[in-house]
Protein backbone atom coordinates (compact mmCIF):
# COMPACT_ATOMS: atom_id res chain seq x y z
CA ARG A 1 -71.57 -131.28 -77.45
CA GLY A 2 -68.41 -131.76 -79.33
CA ALA A 3 -66.36 -134.94 -79.45
CA ALA A 4 -63.30 -133.08 -78.12
CA LEU A 5 -65.19 -131.96 -75.01
CA ASP A 6 -66.51 -135.46 -74.44
CA GLY A 7 -63.00 -136.88 -74.75
CA ALA A 8 -61.57 -134.26 -72.41
CA ALA A 9 -64.36 -134.82 -69.87
CA THR A 10 -63.80 -138.57 -69.95
CA SER A 11 -60.05 -138.15 -69.53
CA VAL A 12 -60.36 -135.66 -66.66
CA ARG A 13 -63.02 -137.75 -64.92
CA ALA A 14 -60.88 -140.89 -65.23
CA THR A 15 -57.81 -139.10 -63.87
CA THR A 16 -59.35 -137.02 -61.08
CA GLY A 17 -62.69 -138.67 -60.45
CA ALA A 18 -64.63 -135.47 -61.20
CA PHE A 19 -65.35 -132.87 -63.86
CA VAL A 20 -66.72 -129.35 -63.85
CA PRO A 21 -70.30 -129.37 -62.54
CA LEU A 22 -72.91 -128.18 -65.03
CA ARG A 23 -74.00 -125.30 -62.78
CA THR A 24 -70.44 -124.04 -62.50
CA ALA A 25 -69.98 -124.18 -66.26
CA ALA A 26 -73.27 -122.28 -66.74
CA ARG A 27 -72.39 -119.57 -64.20
CA VAL A 28 -68.90 -119.03 -65.56
CA GLY A 29 -70.22 -119.10 -69.13
CA LEU A 30 -72.78 -116.44 -68.21
CA GLY A 31 -70.05 -114.25 -66.74
CA VAL A 32 -67.77 -114.64 -69.74
CA ALA A 33 -70.61 -114.03 -72.20
CA ALA A 34 -71.81 -110.93 -70.35
CA CYS A 35 -68.32 -109.44 -70.19
CA ALA A 36 -67.58 -110.24 -73.83
CA TYR A 37 -70.90 -108.73 -74.93
CA GLY A 38 -70.43 -105.63 -72.79
CA GLY A 39 -66.81 -105.27 -73.87
CA GLN A 40 -67.88 -104.93 -77.49
CA TYR A 41 -69.74 -101.73 -76.68
CA LEU A 42 -67.07 -99.95 -74.67
CA PRO A 43 -65.87 -96.75 -76.29
CA LYS A 44 -62.52 -96.86 -78.03
CA MET A 45 -59.94 -95.46 -75.64
CA GLY A 46 -56.23 -94.87 -75.78
CA LYS A 47 -53.54 -97.30 -74.71
CA LEU A 48 -53.42 -95.83 -71.20
CA MET A 49 -57.12 -96.46 -70.57
CA THR A 50 -57.15 -100.06 -71.81
CA PRO A 51 -55.78 -101.56 -68.56
CA LEU A 52 -58.35 -99.59 -66.54
CA LEU A 53 -61.17 -100.85 -68.76
CA ALA A 54 -59.84 -104.40 -68.36
CA VAL A 55 -59.92 -104.02 -64.57
CA GLY A 56 -63.50 -102.80 -64.86
CA ILE A 57 -64.47 -105.88 -66.85
CA VAL A 58 -62.82 -108.13 -64.26
CA VAL A 59 -64.82 -106.38 -61.52
CA VAL A 60 -68.05 -107.01 -63.45
CA TYR A 61 -67.07 -110.67 -63.96
CA VAL A 62 -66.38 -111.19 -60.25
CA ALA A 63 -69.64 -109.42 -59.39
CA ILE A 64 -71.56 -111.79 -61.66
CA LEU A 65 -69.90 -114.78 -60.00
CA LEU A 66 -70.79 -113.37 -56.57
CA VAL A 67 -74.41 -112.70 -57.51
CA THR A 68 -74.83 -116.19 -58.97
CA ARG A 69 -73.16 -117.60 -55.82
CA GLU A 70 -70.37 -119.26 -57.76
CA LEU A 71 -67.96 -117.34 -55.53
CA ARG A 72 -68.52 -116.95 -51.81
CA ALA A 73 -66.85 -114.81 -49.16
CA ALA A 74 -64.51 -117.67 -48.26
CA ASP A 75 -63.32 -117.80 -51.89
CA LEU A 76 -62.38 -114.12 -51.76
CA ALA A 77 -60.61 -114.30 -48.37
CA PRO A 78 -57.12 -114.94 -49.84
CA ILE A 79 -57.51 -111.99 -52.22
CA LYS A 80 -58.68 -109.71 -49.40
CA ALA A 81 -55.76 -110.84 -47.27
CA MET A 82 -53.30 -110.13 -50.08
CA LEU A 83 -54.73 -106.67 -50.76
CA GLY A 84 -54.87 -105.87 -47.06
CA LYS A 85 -51.19 -106.57 -46.34
CA LYS A 86 -49.19 -103.50 -45.50
CA LYS A 87 -45.54 -102.97 -46.25
CA ARG A 88 -43.24 -103.74 -43.38
CA SER A 89 -40.96 -100.99 -42.20
CA ALA A 90 -37.24 -101.71 -42.14
CA PRO A 91 -35.95 -102.91 -38.73
């Protein structure tokens, strides 16, 4: 481990009383590594397709976090609620 990470961990732990658990760091690192690796092999697309490919990578990342149980249904509830809101009609 690097000295900067050790210093940051010590500072955060002293301020908040906690730091990122090792399992969380491993699960998130796995998700980031998998998406970065997979992203290298995506075909080159135009500027209009880039946002769609980015959304696809985010979906894969969230799926990895769900499979590894880093995210649970309760963690996704606010997102589901936000996506499920319908526009109000004018009174």
